[in-house]
C-alpha atoms as a PDB file:
ATOM      1  CA  UNK A   1      85.194 102.596 111.102  1.00  0.00           C
ATOM      2  CA  UNK A   2      88.192 102.035 113.334  1.00  0.00           C
ATOM      3  CA  UNK A   3      91.164 100.375 111.897  1.00  0.00           C
ATOM      4  CA  UNK A   4      92.010  97.068 113.698  1.00  0.00           C
ATOM      5  CA  UNK A   5      94.977  97.627 116.067  1.00  0.00           C
ATOM      6  CA  UNK A   6      94.703 101.360 115.671  1.00  0.00           C
ATOM      7  CA  UNK A   7      96.038 101.941 119.192  1.00  0.00           C
ATOM      8  CA  UNK A   8      99.453 101.046 117.843  1.00  0.00           C
ATOM      9  CA  UNK A   9     101.325 103.569 115.750  1.00  0.00           C
ATOM     10  CA  UNK A  10     102.951 100.962 113.532  1.00  0.00           C
ATOM     11  CA  UNK A  11     102.386 100.626 109.814  1.00  0.00           C
ATOM     12  CA  UNK A  12     101.427  97.087 108.855  1.00  0.00           C
ATOM     13  CA  UNK A  13     102.477  97.157 105.194  1.00  0.00           C
ATOM     14  CA  UNK A  14     105.433  98.477 103.104  1.00  0.00           C
ATOM     15  CA  UNK A  15     105.496 100.691  99.986  1.00  0.00           C
ATOM     16  CA  UNK A  16     106.734  97.844  97.827  1.00  0.00           C
ATOM     17  CA  UNK A  17     103.388  96.128  98.245  1.00  0.00           C
ATOM     18  CA  UNK A  18     101.833  99.047  96.431  1.00  0.00           C
ATOM     19  CA  UNK A  19     103.946  98.749  93.243  1.00  0.00           C
ATOM     20  CA  UNK A  20     101.657  95.929  91.979  1.00  0.00           C
ATOM     21  CA  UNK A  21      98.374  97.745  92.746  1.00  0.00           C
ATOM     22  CA  UNK A  22      96.294  98.644  89.630  1.00  0.00           C
ATOM     23  CA  UNK A  23      93.426 101.106  89.189  1.00  0.00           C
ATOM     24  CA  UNK A  24      90.191  99.182  89.921  1.00  0.00           C
ATOM     25  CA  UNK A  25      87.657 101.686  88.563  1.00  0.00           C
ATOM     26  CA  UNK A  26      87.269 104.958  86.701  1.00  0.00           C
ATOM     27  CA  UNK A  27      84.468 106.088  89.014  1.00  0.00           C
ATOM     28  CA  UNK A  28      86.869 107.413  91.673  1.00  0.00           C
ATOM     29  CA  UNK A  29      89.092 110.443  91.559  1.00  0.00           C
ATOM     30  CA  UNK A  30      92.433 111.089  93.230  1.00  0.00           C
ATOM     31  CA  UNK A  31      90.912 114.059  95.082  1.00  0.00           C
ATOM     32  CA  UNK A  32      88.137 111.932  96.584  1.00  0.00           C
ATOM     33  CA  UNK A  33      90.453 109.087  97.587  1.00  0.00           C
ATOM     34  CA  UNK A  34      92.942 111.436  99.249  1.00  0.00           C
ATOM     35  CA  UNK A  35      90.088 113.404 101.021  1.00  0.00           C
ATOM     36  CA  UNK A  36      88.840 110.123 102.594  1.00  0.00           C
ATOM     37  CA  UNK A  37      92.312 108.601 103.006  1.00  0.00           C
ATOM     38  CA  UNK A  38      91.444 105.434 101.243  1.00  0.00           C
ATOM     39  CA  UNK A  39      92.800 103.443  98.233  1.00  0.00           C
ATOM     40  CA  UNK A  40      90.993 100.247  96.888  1.00  0.00           C
ATOM     41  CA  UNK A  41      93.857  97.778  96.570  1.00  0.00           C
ATOM     42  CA  UNK A  42      92.273  94.512  95.265  1.00  0.00           C
ATOM     43  CA  UNK A  43      88.868  92.854  94.916  1.00  0.00           C
ATOM     44  CA  UNK A  44      88.977  89.212  95.817  1.00  0.00           C
ATOM     45  CA  UNK A  45      85.572  87.468  95.686  1.00  0.00           C
ATOM     46  CA  UNK A  46      83.216  89.533  97.728  1.00  0.00           C
ATOM     47  CA  UNK A  47      85.859  91.435  99.725  1.00  0.00           C
ATOM     48  CA  UNK A  48      87.376  94.760  98.695  1.00  0.00           C
ATOM     49  CA  UNK A  49      90.734  95.372 100.397  1.00  0.00           C
ATOM     50  CA  UNK A  50      91.232  99.083 101.111  1.00  0.00           C
ATOM     51  CA  UNK A  51      94.417 100.789 102.254  1.00  0.00           C
ATOM     52  CA  UNK A  52      94.327 103.797 104.599  1.00  0.00           C
ATOM     53  CA  UNK A  53      96.728 105.767 106.767  1.00  0.00           C
ATOM     54  CA  UNK A  54      94.148 107.051 109.255  1.00  0.00           C
ATOM     55  CA  UNK A  55      92.705 105.375 112.328  1.00  0.00           C
ATOM     56  CA  UNK A  56      89.005 106.164 111.663  1.00  0.00           C
ATOM     57  CA  UNK A  57      87.822 106.008 108.125  1.00  0.00           C
ATOM     58  CA  UNK A  58      84.622 107.871 107.361  1.00  0.00           C
ATOM     59  CA  UNK A  59      81.767 105.369 107.419  1.00  0.00           C
ATOM     60  CA  UNK A  60      79.965 107.077 104.468  1.00  0.00           C
ATOM     61  CA  UNK A  61      83.091 106.743 102.291  1.00  0.00           C
ATOM     62  CA  UNK A  62      83.319 103.019 103.158  1.00  0.00           C
ATOM     63  CA  UNK A  63      79.576 102.711 102.286  1.00  0.00           C
ATOM     64  CA  UNK A  64      80.284 104.336  98.934  1.00  0.00           C
ATOM     65  CA  UNK A  65      83.012 101.848  98.212  1.00  0.00           C
ATOM     66  CA  UNK A  66      80.759  98.908  99.350  1.00  0.00           C
ATOM     67  CA  UNK A  67      78.051 100.033  96.927  1.00  0.00           C
ATOM     68  CA  UNK A  68      80.518 100.779  94.019  1.00  0.00           C
ATOM     69  CA  UNK A  69      82.274  97.400  94.224  1.00  0.00           C
ATOM     70  CA  UNK A  70      79.385  95.352  95.579  1.00  0.00           C
ATOM     71  CA  UNK A  71      81.674  93.911  98.250  1.00  0.00           C
ATOM     72  CA  UNK A  72      82.504  94.005 101.860  1.00  0.00           C
ATOM     73  CA  UNK A  73      85.461  96.116 103.093  1.00  0.00           C
ATOM     74  CA  UNK A  74      88.807  94.933 104.726  1.00  0.00           C
ATOM     75  CA  UNK A  75      91.074  97.661 105.787  1.00  0.00           C
ATOM     76  CA  UNK A  76      94.923  97.562 105.728  1.00  0.00           C
ATOM     77  CA  UNK A  77      97.247 100.180 107.179  1.00  0.00           C
ATOM     78  CA  UNK A  78      99.983 101.878 105.155  1.00  0.00           C
ATOM     79  CA  UNK A  79     102.160 104.963 105.551  1.00  0.00           C
ATOM     80  CA  UNK A  80     100.405 108.174 104.373  1.00  0.00           C
ATOM     81  CA  UNK A  81     103.115 109.200 101.875  1.00  0.00           C
ATOM     82  CA  UNK A  82     103.147 105.691 100.261  1.00  0.00           C
ATOM     83  CA  UNK A  83      99.333 105.680  99.813  1.00  0.00           C
ATOM     84  CA  UNK A  84      99.061 109.235  98.501  1.00  0.00           C
ATOM     85  CA  UNK A  85     101.824 108.535  96.039  1.00  0.00           C
ATOM     86  CA  UNK A  86     100.034 105.435  94.875  1.00  0.00           C
ATOM     87  CA  UNK A  87      96.720 107.284  94.615  1.00  0.00           C
ATOM     88  CA  UNK A  88      98.334 109.977  92.406  1.00  0.00           C
ATOM     89  CA  UNK A  89     100.020 107.423  90.299  1.00  0.00           C
ATOM     90  CA  UNK A  90      96.825 105.380  89.653  1.00  0.00           C
ATOM     91  CA  UNK A  91      93.965 107.960  89.724  1.00  0.00           C
ATOM     92  CA  UNK A  92      95.406 111.378  88.877  1.00  0.00           C
ATOM     93  CA  UNK A  93      95.032 112.529  85.301  1.00  0.00           C
ATOM     94  CA  UNK A  94      97.901 111.514  83.082  1.00  0.00           C
ATOM     95  CA  UNK A  95      98.876 115.185  82.654  1.00  0.00           C
ATOM     96  CA  UNK A  96      99.637 115.340  86.385  1.00  0.00           C
ATOM     97  CA  UNK A  97     101.952 112.368  86.026  1.00  0.00           C
ATOM     98  CA  UNK A  98     103.833 113.893  83.172  1.00  0.00           C
ATOM     99  CA  UNK A  99     103.878 117.209  85.052  1.00  0.00           C
ATOM    100  CA  UNK A 100     105.328 115.524  88.072  1.00  0.00           C
ATOM    101  CA  UNK A 101     108.223 113.900  86.134  1.00  0.00           C
ATOM    102  CA  UNK A 102     109.170 116.331  83.403  1.00  0.00           C
ATOM    103  CA  UNK A 103     110.566 119.771  84.129  1.00  0.00           C
ATOM    104  CA  UNK A 104     108.957 122.511  82.167  1.00  0.00           C
ATOM    105  CA  UNK A 105     105.393 121.199  82.006  1.00  0.00           C
ATOM    106  CA  UNK A 106     104.101 123.570  84.626  1.00  0.00           C
ATOM    107  CA  UNK A 107     103.630 126.497  82.241  1.00  0.00           C
ATOM    108  CA  UNK A 108     107.296 127.420  82.031  1.00  0.00           C
ATOM    109  CA  UNK A 109     108.676 127.720  78.526  1.00  0.00           C
ATOM    110  CA  UNK A 110     112.081 126.487  77.322  1.00  0.00           C
ATOM    111  CA  UNK A 111     113.596 126.684  73.843  1.00  0.00           C
ATOM    112  CA  UNK A 112     114.719 123.316  72.653  1.00  0.00           C
ATOM    113  CA  UNK A 113     116.501 122.396  69.398  1.00  0.00           C
ATOM    114  CA  UNK A 114     114.675 119.440  67.742  1.00  0.00           C
ATOM    115  CA  UNK A 115     117.963 117.399  67.748  1.00  0.00           C
ATOM    116  CA  UNK A 116     117.975 117.568  71.609  1.00  0.00           C
ATOM    117  CA  UNK A 117     114.819 115.620  71.960  1.00  0.00           C
ATOM    118  CA  UNK A 118     115.524 111.908  72.677  1.00  0.00           C
ATOM    119  CA  UNK A 119     113.361 109.524  70.727  1.00  0.00           C
ATOM    120  CA  UNK A 120     113.970 106.192  72.543  1.00  0.00           C
ATOM    121  CA  UNK A 121     112.530 106.953  76.033  1.00  0.00           C
ATOM    122  CA  UNK A 122     109.190 105.294  76.631  1.00  0.00           C
ATOM    123  CA  UNK A 123     107.491 106.183  79.964  1.00  0.00           C
ATOM    124  CA  UNK A 124     104.083 104.915  80.954  1.00  0.00           C
ATOM    125  CA  UNK A 125     101.428 106.738  82.954  1.00  0.00           C
ATOM    126  CA  UNK A 126     102.056 106.414  86.692  1.00  0.00           C
ATOM    127  CA  UNK A 127     105.880 106.432  86.501  1.00  0.00           C
ATOM    128  CA  UNK A 128     107.707 108.159  89.447  1.00  0.00           C
ATOM    129  CA  UNK A 129     111.174 109.281  90.341  1.00  0.00           C
ATOM    130  CA  UNK A 130     112.492 107.941  93.605  1.00  0.00           C
ATOM    131  CA  UNK A 131     115.756 107.582  95.594  1.00  0.00           C
ATOM    132  CA  UNK A 132     116.451 105.723  98.845  1.00  0.00           C
ATOM    133  CA  UNK A 133     116.901 108.018 101.933  1.00  0.00           C
ATOM    134  CA  UNK A 134     120.499 108.648 102.608  1.00  0.00           C
ATOM    135  CA  UNK A 135     121.716 107.705  99.081  1.00  0.00           C
ATOM    136  CA  UNK A 136     122.275 109.637  95.912  1.00  0.00           C
ATOM    137  CA  UNK A 137     121.155 107.381  93.023  1.00  0.00           C
ATOM    138  CA  UNK A 138     117.806 108.432  91.409  1.00  0.00           C
ATOM    139  CA  UNK A 139     115.616 105.837  89.830  1.00  0.00           C
ATOM    140  CA  UNK A 140     112.771 105.959  87.382  1.00  0.00           C
ATOM    141  CA  UNK A 141     110.182 103.444  88.664  1.00  0.00           C
ATOM    142  CA  UNK A 142     107.941 102.427  85.830  1.00  0.00           C
ATOM    143  CA  UNK A 143     105.622  99.468  85.589  1.00  0.00           C
ATOM    144  CA  UNK A 144     107.168  97.871  88.765  1.00  0.00           C
ATOM    145  CA  UNK A 145     110.801  98.170  87.579  1.00  0.00           C
ATOM    146  CA  UNK A 146     113.401 100.700  88.737  1.00  0.00           C
ATOM    147  CA  UNK A 147     115.910 102.115  86.237  1.00  0.00           C
ATOM    148  CA  UNK A 148     118.937 103.962  87.547  1.00  0.00           C
ATOM    149  CA  UNK A 149     119.319 107.450  86.045  1.00  0.00           C
ATOM    150  CA  UNK A 150     123.099 107.361  85.863  1.00  0.00           C
ATOM    151  CA  UNK A 151     123.995 111.073  86.003  1.00  0.00           C
ATOM    152  CA  UNK A 152     122.618 114.556  86.470  1.00  0.00           C
ATOM    153  CA  UNK A 153     123.299 115.181  82.820  1.00  0.00           C
ATOM    154  CA  UNK A 154     120.821 112.361  81.950  1.00  0.00           C
ATOM    155  CA  UNK A 155     118.321 113.804  84.399  1.00  0.00           C
ATOM    156  CA  UNK A 156     118.634 116.975  82.502  1.00  0.00           C
ATOM    157  CA  UNK A 157     118.658 115.369  79.049  1.00  0.00           C
ATOM    158  CA  UNK A 158     115.250 113.868  79.724  1.00  0.00           C
ATOM    159  CA  UNK A 159     114.003 117.011  81.588  1.00  0.00           C
ATOM    160  CA  UNK A 160     113.221 114.923  84.772  1.00  0.00           C
ATOM    161  CA  UNK A 161     112.327 117.411  87.523  1.00  0.00           C
ATOM    162  CA  UNK A 162     114.778 117.117  90.456  1.00  0.00           C
ATOM    163  CA  UNK A 163     112.083 118.681  92.778  1.00  0.00           C
ATOM    164  CA  UNK A 164     109.747 115.699  92.005  1.00  0.00           C
ATOM    165  CA  UNK A 165     112.009 112.860  93.288  1.00  0.00           C
ATOM    166  CA  UNK A 166     110.335 110.950  96.098  1.00  0.00           C
ATOM    167  CA  UNK A 167     112.712 110.074  99.028  1.00  0.00           C
ATOM    168  CA  UNK A 168     111.713 106.641 100.295  1.00  0.00           C
ATOM    169  CA  UNK A 169     113.101 104.373 103.022  1.00  0.00           C
ATOM    170  CA  UNK A 170     115.818 102.076 101.601  1.00  0.00           C
ATOM    171  CA  UNK A 171     113.753  99.031 102.436  1.00  0.00           C
ATOM    172  CA  UNK A 172     111.114 100.318 100.054  1.00  0.00           C
ATOM    173  CA  UNK A 173     113.492 101.090  97.114  1.00  0.00           C
ATOM    174  CA  UNK A 174     115.977  98.186  97.223  1.00  0.00           C
ATOM    175  CA  UNK A 175     113.434  95.332  96.600  1.00  0.00           C
ATOM    176  CA  UNK A 176     112.076  96.870  93.452  1.00  0.00           C
ATOM    177  CA  UNK A 177     113.217  94.800  90.429  1.00  0.00           C
ATOM    178  CA  UNK A 178     116.052  96.389  88.408  1.00  0.00           C
ATOM    179  CA  UNK A 179     115.704  97.320  84.753  1.00  0.00           C
ATOM    180  CA  UNK A 180     118.212  98.701  82.329  1.00  0.00           C
ATOM    181  CA  UNK A 181     120.071 101.796  83.319  1.00  0.00           C
ATOM    182  CA  UNK A 182     119.128 105.158  81.731  1.00  0.00           C
ATOM    183  CA  UNK A 183     122.645 106.234  80.678  1.00  0.00           C
ATOM    184  CA  UNK A 184     122.230 107.772  77.159  1.00  0.00           C
END
């Protein structure tokens, strides 16, 4: 199926619209969604809105979604990076989310004194680390709220992985509602 207006290279929707998207089914995997470049965004009545970053979505993949949700399909265009990030946040196993945020969960061992482990940090599945392009502040985006990680020492204290910080356009980061800083 060809995306309406596919002759234009513009992206119709911003990354901030994806912050409120929730997982709609357990029947789909992140691998399948990324392979077919689709993400079910919302089901309203008898229409499933699906995000994509490609001009021609595989008709069989769209048929699979029609059958799974019992609804017609409406396509919306997003940037590839934004949709892939949302797919991983919603449909990847929780271990992948933790691995993406916390240094040392990829098989590397590190000796830690029990007193070093902070007890007050609660992070839900799907949280990501972001910063606006051209700026230094790193934020933990969790449940639609961004929390500024105030220093490299705090990043290290919570074992957040510097290499897993997503760099997004400022227009995608700035509108995210602000939560309390992570400063201790």
